[in-house]
Amino acid sequence: MFERISLLRNIGQFDSVNAGAQIPLTPLSLIYAENGRGKTTLASILRSLSSGDARLVSERQRLGAAHPPHIVLTIGGGQVIFQ
C-alpha cells in the first residue's frame, strides 16, 4: 500500500519538498488545492508508478532546474526511488 511521499524534487511545482511530505496517507486520502499547485503532477507520479513509464515523470521536470526529477515514495514499508 502507498503510505507516504517522502521527497519531491525538481518536478512540476515542487522545487524540494521533504518536510511537509511526511504526512501518512490512508486508503482514502483527499488531495485538494488551488489551480497550479501540483495536483496533476502528483497524478502523473502515481500514474508513472502504476504503469512503470518513467517518461510521465521526466517530462514534468521543473523548468530551469539544473538536475532531473528525484522522487522517493514509501510503499509497503519499502521505498521506491525515481532518480
PDB file of N, CA and C in Angstrom:
ATOM      1  N   MET A   1       0.831  -1.177   0.000  1.00  0.00           N
ATOM      2  CA  MET A   1       0.000   0.000   0.000  1.00  0.00           C
ATOM      3  C   MET A   1       0.887   1.257   0.000  1.00  0.00           C
ATOM      4  N   PHE A   2       0.443   2.252  -0.731  1.00  0.00           N
ATOM      5  CA  PHE A   2       1.145   3.535  -0.816  1.00  0.00           C
ATOM      6  C   PHE A   2       0.972   4.262   0.511  1.00  0.00           C
ATOM      7  N   GLU A   3       2.069   4.521   1.213  1.00  0.00           N
ATOM      8  CA  GLU A   3       1.998   5.063   2.569  1.00  0.00           C
ATOM      9  C   GLU A   3       2.323   6.539   2.696  1.00  0.00           C
ATOM     10  N   ARG A   4       3.337   7.007   1.966  1.00  0.00           N
ATOM     11  CA  ARG A   4       3.690   8.425   2.092  1.00  0.00           C
ATOM     12  C   ARG A   4       4.610   8.866   0.952  1.00  0.00           C
ATOM     13  N   ILE A   5       4.618  10.174   0.742  1.00  0.00           N
ATOM     14  CA  ILE A   5       5.540  10.802  -0.196  1.00  0.00           C
ATOM     15  C   ILE A   5       6.670  11.357   0.653  1.00  0.00           C
ATOM     16  N   SER A   6       7.869  10.828   0.481  1.00  0.00           N
ATOM     17  CA  SER A   6       8.993  11.250   1.317  1.00  0.00           C
ATOM     18  C   SER A   6       9.782  12.406   0.715  1.00  0.00           C
ATOM     19  N   LEU A   7       9.848  12.479  -0.617  1.00  0.00           N
ATOM     20  CA  LEU A   7      10.638  13.539  -1.259  1.00  0.00           C
ATOM     21  C   LEU A   7      10.121  13.805  -2.660  1.00  0.00           C
ATOM     22  N   LEU A   8       9.955  15.071  -2.994  1.00  0.00           N
ATOM     23  CA  LEU A   8       9.660  15.520  -4.356  1.00  0.00           C
ATOM     24  C   LEU A   8      10.652  16.628  -4.667  1.00  0.00           C
ATOM     25  N   ARG A   9      11.462  16.422  -5.673  1.00  0.00           N
ATOM     26  CA  ARG A   9      12.477  17.433  -6.004  1.00  0.00           C
ATOM     27  C   ARG A   9      12.555  17.608  -7.519  1.00  0.00           C
ATOM     28  N   ASN A  10      12.534  18.860  -7.971  1.00  0.00           N
ATOM     29  CA  ASN A  10      12.689  19.232  -9.379  1.00  0.00           C
ATOM     30  C   ASN A  10      11.631  18.626 -10.291  1.00  0.00           C
ATOM     31  N   ILE A  11      10.381  18.617  -9.830  1.00  0.00           N
ATOM     32  CA  ILE A  11       9.291  18.104 -10.657  1.00  0.00           C
ATOM     33  C   ILE A  11       8.086  19.035 -10.543  1.00  0.00           C
ATOM     34  N   GLY A  12       7.593  19.491 -11.666  1.00  0.00           N
ATOM     35  CA  GLY A  12       6.419  20.360 -11.698  1.00  0.00           C
ATOM     36  C   GLY A  12       6.568  21.565 -10.793  1.00  0.00           C
ATOM     37  N   GLN A  13       5.599  21.782  -9.927  1.00  0.00           N
ATOM     38  CA  GLN A  13       5.610  22.900  -8.994  1.00  0.00           C
ATOM     39  C   GLN A  13       6.539  22.687  -7.802  1.00  0.00           C
ATOM     40  N   PHE A  14       7.066  21.482  -7.662  1.00  0.00           N
ATOM     41  CA  PHE A  14       7.820  21.128  -6.462  1.00  0.00           C
ATOM     42  C   PHE A  14       9.327  21.275  -6.669  1.00  0.00           C
ATOM     43  N   ASP A  15       9.901  22.289  -6.034  1.00  0.00           N
ATOM     44  CA  ASP A  15      11.347  22.502  -6.099  1.00  0.00           C
ATOM     45  C   ASP A  15      12.038  21.492  -5.196  1.00  0.00           C
ATOM     46  N   SER A  16      11.686  21.472  -3.933  1.00  0.00           N
ATOM     47  CA  SER A  16      12.224  20.500  -2.985  1.00  0.00           C
ATOM     48  C   SER A  16      11.259  20.396  -1.804  1.00  0.00           C
ATOM     49  N   VAL A  17      10.513  19.301  -1.762  1.00  0.00           N
ATOM     50  CA  VAL A  17       9.530  19.084  -0.697  1.00  0.00           C
ATOM     51  C   VAL A  17       9.919  17.819   0.041  1.00  0.00           C
ATOM     52  N   ASN A  18      10.239  17.969   1.327  1.00  0.00           N
ATOM     53  CA  ASN A  18      10.510  16.769   2.123  1.00  0.00           C
ATOM     54  C   ASN A  18       9.944  16.896   3.541  1.00  0.00           C
ATOM     55  N   ALA A  19       9.908  18.063   4.121  1.00  0.00           N
ATOM     56  CA  ALA A  19       9.417  18.206   5.497  1.00  0.00           C
ATOM     57  C   ALA A  19       7.901  18.005   5.568  1.00  0.00           C
ATOM     58  N   GLY A  20       7.151  18.674   4.718  1.00  0.00           N
ATOM     59  CA  GLY A  20       5.697  18.553   4.739  1.00  0.00           C
ATOM     60  C   GLY A  20       5.203  17.264   4.125  1.00  0.00           C
ATOM     61  N   ALA A  21       6.074  16.548   3.473  1.00  0.00           N
ATOM     62  CA  ALA A  21       5.672  15.325   2.785  1.00  0.00           C
ATOM     63  C   ALA A  21       5.585  14.134   3.721  1.00  0.00           C
ATOM     64  N   GLN A  22       5.822  14.317   4.989  1.00  0.00           N
ATOM     65  CA  GLN A  22       5.824  13.196   5.931  1.00  0.00           C
ATOM     66  C   GLN A  22       4.433  12.866   6.468  1.00  0.00           C
ATOM     67  N   ILE A  23       3.390  13.420   5.867  1.00  0.00           N
ATOM     68  CA  ILE A  23       2.027  13.125   6.292  1.00  0.00           C
ATOM     69  C   ILE A  23       1.655  11.745   5.757  1.00  0.00           C
ATOM     70  N   PRO A  24       1.241  10.828   6.652  1.00  0.00           N
ATOM     71  CA  PRO A  24       0.893   9.483   6.178  1.00  0.00           C
ATOM     72  C   PRO A  24      -0.396   9.501   5.351  1.00  0.00           C
ATOM     73  N   LEU A  25      -0.461   8.645   4.355  1.00  0.00           N
ATOM     74  CA  LEU A  25      -1.637   8.528   3.507  1.00  0.00           C
ATOM     75  C   LEU A  25      -2.421   7.283   3.906  1.00  0.00           C
ATOM     76  N   THR A  26      -3.724   7.332   3.745  1.00  0.00           N
ATOM     77  CA  THR A  26      -4.603   6.214   4.073  1.00  0.00           C
ATOM     78  C   THR A  26      -5.198   5.672   2.770  1.00  0.00           C
ATOM     79  N   PRO A  27      -5.933   4.563   2.825  1.00  0.00           N
ATOM     80  CA  PRO A  27      -6.546   4.050   1.597  1.00  0.00           C
ATOM     81  C   PRO A  27      -7.455   5.073   0.903  1.00  0.00           C
ATOM     82  N   LEU A  28      -8.000   6.005   1.662  1.00  0.00           N
ATOM     83  CA  LEU A  28      -8.807   7.069   1.074  1.00  0.00           C
ATOM     84  C   LEU A  28      -8.255   8.405   1.563  1.00  0.00           C
ATOM     85  N   SER A  29      -7.411   9.029   0.747  1.00  0.00           N
ATOM     86  CA  SER A  29      -6.831  10.335   1.084  1.00  0.00           C
ATOM     87  C   SER A  29      -7.285  11.337   0.043  1.00  0.00           C
ATOM     88  N   LEU A  30      -7.672  12.505   0.491  1.00  0.00           N
ATOM     89  CA  LEU A  30      -8.137  13.566  -0.383  1.00  0.00           C
ATOM     90  C   LEU A  30      -7.032  14.602  -0.536  1.00  0.00           C
ATOM     91  N   ILE A  31      -6.736  14.940  -1.780  1.00  0.00           N
ATOM     92  CA  ILE A  31      -5.742  15.980  -2.060  1.00  0.00           C
ATOM     93  C   ILE A  31      -6.469  17.093  -2.804  1.00  0.00           C
ATOM     94  N   TYR A  32      -6.464  18.279  -2.216  1.00  0.00           N
ATOM     95  CA  TYR A  32      -7.125  19.407  -2.846  1.00  0.00           C
ATOM     96  C   TYR A  32      -6.263  20.648  -2.699  1.00  0.00           C
ATOM     97  N   ALA A  33      -6.383  21.546  -3.673  1.00  0.00           N
ATOM     98  CA  ALA A  33      -5.630  22.800  -3.651  1.00  0.00           C
ATOM     99  C   ALA A  33      -6.131  23.686  -4.780  1.00  0.00           C
ATOM    100  N   GLU A  34      -5.643  24.910  -4.796  1.00  0.00           N
ATOM    101  CA  GLU A  34      -5.962  25.841  -5.879  1.00  0.00           C
ATOM    102  C   GLU A  34      -5.353  25.321  -7.185  1.00  0.00           C
ATOM    103  N   ASN A  35      -5.780  25.921  -8.288  1.00  0.00           N
ATOM    104  CA  ASN A  35      -5.192  25.582  -9.583  1.00  0.00           C
ATOM    105  C   ASN A  35      -3.709  25.932  -9.586  1.00  0.00           C
ATOM    106  N   GLY A  36      -2.916  25.111 -10.260  1.00  0.00           N
ATOM    107  CA  GLY A  36      -1.490  25.387 -10.400  1.00  0.00           C
ATOM    108  C   GLY A  36      -0.658  25.036  -9.181  1.00  0.00           C
ATOM    109  N   ARG A  37      -1.133  24.159  -8.309  1.00  0.00           N
ATOM    110  CA  ARG A  37      -0.411  23.826  -7.081  1.00  0.00           C
ATOM    111  C   ARG A  37       0.243  22.442  -7.102  1.00  0.00           C
ATOM    112  N   GLY A  38       0.046  21.660  -8.187  1.00  0.00           N
ATOM    113  CA  GLY A  38       0.763  20.394  -8.308  1.00  0.00           C
ATOM    114  C   GLY A  38      -0.075  19.127  -8.241  1.00  0.00           C
ATOM    115  N   LYS A  39      -1.396  19.246  -8.276  1.00  0.00           N
ATOM    116  CA  LYS A  39      -2.241  18.052  -8.216  1.00  0.00           C
ATOM    117  C   LYS A  39      -2.036  17.156  -9.435  1.00  0.00           C
ATOM    118  N   THR A  40      -1.942  17.731 -10.615  1.00  0.00           N
ATOM    119  CA  THR A  40      -1.726  16.944 -11.828  1.00  0.00           C
ATOM    120  C   THR A  40      -0.341  16.321 -11.824  1.00  0.00           C
ATOM    121  N   THR A  41       0.636  16.996 -11.260  1.00  0.00           N
ATOM    122  CA  THR A  41       1.982  16.427 -11.133  1.00  0.00           C
ATOM    123  C   THR A  41       1.942  15.204 -10.228  1.00  0.00           C
ATOM    124  N   LEU A  42       1.216  15.285  -9.112  1.00  0.00           N
ATOM    125  CA  LEU A  42       1.073  14.122  -8.235  1.00  0.00           C
ATOM    126  C   LEU A  42       0.383  12.973  -8.960  1.00  0.00           C
ATOM    127  N   ALA A  43      -0.640  13.296  -9.752  1.00  0.00           N
ATOM    128  CA  ALA A  43      -1.333  12.259 -10.523  1.00  0.00           C
ATOM    129  C   ALA A  43      -0.387  11.615 -11.533  1.00  0.00           C
ATOM    130  N   SER A  44       0.484  12.399 -12.153  1.00  0.00           N
ATOM    131  CA  SER A  44       1.463  11.851 -13.103  1.00  0.00           C
ATOM    132  C   SER A  44       2.467  10.934 -12.403  1.00  0.00           C
ATOM    133  N   ILE A  45       2.878  11.306 -11.205  1.00  0.00           N
ATOM    134  CA  ILE A  45       3.799  10.467 -10.427  1.00  0.00           C
ATOM    135  C   ILE A  45       3.145   9.119 -10.123  1.00  0.00           C
ATOM    136  N   LEU A  46       1.899   9.144  -9.665  1.00  0.00           N
ATOM    137  CA  LEU A  46       1.190   7.905  -9.349  1.00  0.00           C
ATOM    138  C   LEU A  46       0.915   7.072 -10.604  1.00  0.00           C
ATOM    139  N   ARG A  47       0.594   7.726 -11.710  1.00  0.00           N
ATOM    140  CA  ARG A  47       0.378   7.018 -12.974  1.00  0.00           C
ATOM    141  C   ARG A  47       1.670   6.370 -13.440  1.00  0.00           C
ATOM    142  N   SER A  48       2.785   7.057 -13.299  1.00  0.00           N
ATOM    143  CA  SER A  48       4.085   6.503 -13.662  1.00  0.00           C
ATOM    144  C   SER A  48       4.420   5.296 -12.793  1.00  0.00           C
ATOM    145  N   LEU A  49       4.118   5.396 -11.511  1.00  0.00           N
ATOM    146  CA  LEU A  49       4.369   4.297 -10.586  1.00  0.00           C
ATOM    147  C   LEU A  49       3.551   3.060 -10.961  1.00  0.00           C
ATOM    148  N   SER A  50       2.288   3.259 -11.324  1.00  0.00           N
ATOM    149  CA  SER A  50       1.433   2.115 -11.637  1.00  0.00           C
ATOM    150  C   SER A  50       1.738   1.505 -12.998  1.00  0.00           C
ATOM    151  N   SER A  51       2.178   2.324 -13.955  1.00  0.00           N
ATOM    152  CA  SER A  51       2.427   1.814 -15.305  1.00  0.00           C
ATOM    153  C   SER A  51       3.893   1.455 -15.555  1.00  0.00           C
ATOM    154  N   GLY A  52       4.806   2.009 -14.746  1.00  0.00           N
ATOM    155  CA  GLY A  52       6.231   1.780 -14.962  1.00  0.00           C
ATOM    156  C   GLY A  52       6.813   2.646 -16.072  1.00  0.00           C
ATOM    157  N   ASP A  53       6.066   3.666 -16.501  1.00  0.00           N
ATOM    158  CA  ASP A  53       6.505   4.555 -17.579  1.00  0.00           C
ATOM    159  C   ASP A  53       7.200   5.786 -16.983  1.00  0.00           C
ATOM    160  N   ALA A  54       8.520   5.792 -16.997  1.00  0.00           N
ATOM    161  CA  ALA A  54       9.302   6.894 -16.409  1.00  0.00           C
ATOM    162  C   ALA A  54       9.127   8.198 -17.173  1.00  0.00           C
ATOM    163  N   ARG A  55       8.711   8.113 -18.421  1.00  0.00           N
ATOM    164  CA  ARG A  55       8.538   9.308 -19.239  1.00  0.00           C
ATOM    165  C   ARG A  55       7.486  10.250 -18.646  1.00  0.00           C
ATOM    166  N   LEU A  56       6.473   9.698 -17.968  1.00  0.00           N
ATOM    167  CA  LEU A  56       5.431  10.521 -17.354  1.00  0.00           C
ATOM    168  C   LEU A  56       5.993  11.457 -16.290  1.00  0.00           C
ATOM    169  N   VAL A  57       7.068  11.050 -15.638  1.00  0.00           N
ATOM    170  CA  VAL A  57       7.713  11.882 -14.625  1.00  0.00           C
ATOM    171  C   VAL A  57       8.766  12.782 -15.271  1.00  0.00           C
ATOM    172  N   SER A  58       9.585  12.228 -16.122  1.00  0.00           N
ATOM    173  CA  SER A  58      10.691  13.007 -16.689  1.00  0.00           C
ATOM    174  C   SER A  58      10.206  14.164 -17.562  1.00  0.00           C
ATOM    175  N   GLU A  59       9.024  14.046 -18.178  1.00  0.00           N
ATOM    176  CA  GLU A  59       8.524  15.162 -18.989  1.00  0.00           C
ATOM    177  C   GLU A  59       7.943  16.280 -18.131  1.00  0.00           C
ATOM    178  N   ARG A  60       7.845  16.087 -16.825  1.00  0.00           N
ATOM    179  CA  ARG A  60       7.370  17.119 -15.912  1.00  0.00           C
ATOM    180  C   ARG A  60       8.507  17.757 -15.120  1.00  0.00           C
ATOM    181  N   GLN A  61       9.733  17.634 -15.620  1.00  0.00           N
ATOM    182  CA  GLN A  61      10.875  18.245 -14.930  1.00  0.00           C
ATOM    183  C   GLN A  61      10.625  19.737 -14.736  1.00  0.00           C
ATOM    184  N   ARG A  62      10.978  20.231 -13.585  1.00  0.00           N
ATOM    185  CA  ARG A  62      10.777  21.641 -13.232  1.00  0.00           C
ATOM    186  C   ARG A  62      11.550  22.537 -14.193  1.00  0.00           C
ATOM    187  N   LEU A  63      10.898  23.570 -14.708  1.00  0.00           N
ATOM    188  CA  LEU A  63      11.546  24.487 -15.644  1.00  0.00           C
ATOM    189  C   LEU A  63      12.716  25.188 -14.962  1.00  0.00           C
ATOM    190  N   GLY A  64      13.839  25.226 -15.610  1.00  0.00           N
ATOM    191  CA  GLY A  64      15.018  25.893 -15.083  1.00  0.00           C
ATOM    192  C   GLY A  64      15.799  25.067 -14.079  1.00  0.00           C
ATOM    193  N   ALA A  65      15.360  23.853 -13.793  1.00  0.00           N
ATOM    194  CA  ALA A  65      16.070  23.006 -12.821  1.00  0.00           C
ATOM    195  C   ALA A  65      17.347  22.457 -13.450  1.00  0.00           C
ATOM    196  N   ALA A  66      18.418  22.496 -12.687  1.00  0.00           N
ATOM    197  CA  ALA A  66      19.708  22.003 -13.180  1.00  0.00           C
ATOM    198  C   ALA A  66      19.795  20.479 -13.131  1.00  0.00           C
ATOM    199  N   HIS A  67      18.964  19.856 -12.283  1.00  0.00           N
ATOM    200  CA  HIS A  67      19.025  18.405 -12.099  1.00  0.00           C
ATOM    201  C   HIS A  67      17.690  17.775 -12.473  1.00  0.00           C
ATOM    202  N   PRO A  68      17.691  16.500 -12.824  1.00  0.00           N
ATOM    203  CA  PRO A  68      16.446  15.814 -13.175  1.00  0.00           C
ATOM    204  C   PRO A  68      15.572  15.569 -11.936  1.00  0.00           C
ATOM    205  N   PRO A  69      14.315  15.179 -12.147  1.00  0.00           N
ATOM    206  CA  PRO A  69      13.427  14.914 -11.011  1.00  0.00           C
ATOM    207  C   PRO A  69      13.965  13.812 -10.100  1.00  0.00           C
ATOM    208  N   HIS A  70      13.687  13.951  -8.812  1.00  0.00           N
ATOM    209  CA  HIS A  70      14.078  12.961  -7.804  1.00  0.00           C
ATOM    210  C   HIS A  70      12.868  12.785  -6.890  1.00  0.00           C
ATOM    211  N   ILE A  71      12.353  11.553  -6.837  1.00  0.00           N
ATOM    212  CA  ILE A  71      11.143  11.268  -6.067  1.00  0.00           C
ATOM    213  C   ILE A  71      11.396  10.053  -5.193  1.00  0.00           C
ATOM    214  N   VAL A  72      10.966  10.123  -3.929  1.00  0.00           N
ATOM    215  CA  VAL A  72      11.056   8.978  -3.017  1.00  0.00           C
ATOM    216  C   VAL A  72       9.671   8.766  -2.413  1.00  0.00           C
ATOM    217  N   LEU A  73       9.125   7.561  -2.632  1.00  0.00           N
ATOM    218  CA  LEU A  73       7.816   7.189  -2.096  1.00  0.00           C
ATOM    219  C   LEU A  73       7.981   5.991  -1.176  1.00  0.00           C
ATOM    220  N   THR A  74       7.172   5.923  -0.127  1.00  0.00           N
ATOM    221  CA  THR A  74       7.174   4.768   0.764  1.00  0.00           C
ATOM    222  C   THR A  74       5.961   3.912   0.433  1.00  0.00           C
ATOM    223  N   ILE A  75       6.238   2.664   0.082  1.00  0.00           N
ATOM    224  CA  ILE A  75       5.187   1.736  -0.318  1.00  0.00           C
ATOM    225  C   ILE A  75       5.416   0.404   0.371  1.00  0.00           C
ATOM    226  N   GLY A  76       4.438  -0.035   1.144  1.00  0.00           N
ATOM    227  CA  GLY A  76       4.529  -1.330   1.804  1.00  0.00           C
ATOM    228  C   GLY A  76       5.738  -1.485   2.705  1.00  0.00           C
ATOM    229  N   GLY A  77       6.158  -0.416   3.363  1.00  0.00           N
ATOM    230  CA  GLY A  77       7.308  -0.469   4.260  1.00  0.00           C
ATOM    231  C   GLY A  77       8.644  -0.281   3.567  1.00  0.00           C
ATOM    232  N   GLY A  78       8.683  -0.359   2.242  1.00  0.00           N
ATOM    233  CA  GLY A  78       9.919  -0.135   1.482  1.00  0.00           C
ATOM    234  C   GLY A  78       9.843   1.188   0.731  1.00  0.00           C
ATOM    235  N   GLN A  79      10.928   1.544   0.094  1.00  0.00           N
ATOM    236  CA  GLN A  79      10.965   2.805  -0.651  1.00  0.00           C
ATOM    237  C   GLN A  79      11.102   2.553  -2.144  1.00  0.00           C
ATOM    238  N   VAL A  80      10.415   3.395  -2.914  1.00  0.00           N
ATOM    239  CA  VAL A  80      10.542   3.423  -4.365  1.00  0.00           C
ATOM    240  C   VAL A  80      11.193   4.761  -4.685  1.00  0.00           C
ATOM    241  N   ILE A  81      12.294   4.708  -5.450  1.00  0.00           N
ATOM    242  CA  ILE A  81      13.045   5.922  -5.767  1.00  0.00           C
ATOM    243  C   ILE A  81      13.084   6.126  -7.264  1.00  0.00           C
ATOM    244  N   PHE A  82      12.711   7.317  -7.703  1.00  0.00           N
ATOM    245  CA  PHE A  82      12.858   7.721  -9.104  1.00  0.00           C
ATOM    246  C   PHE A  82      13.937   8.778  -9.128  1.00  0.00           C
ATOM    247  N   GLN A  83      14.998   8.502  -9.883  1.00  0.00           N
ATOM    248  CA  GLN A  83      16.092   9.472  -9.971  1.00  0.00           C
ATOM    249  C   GLN A  83      16.705   9.409 -11.344  1.00  0.00           C
TER     250      GLN A  83
END
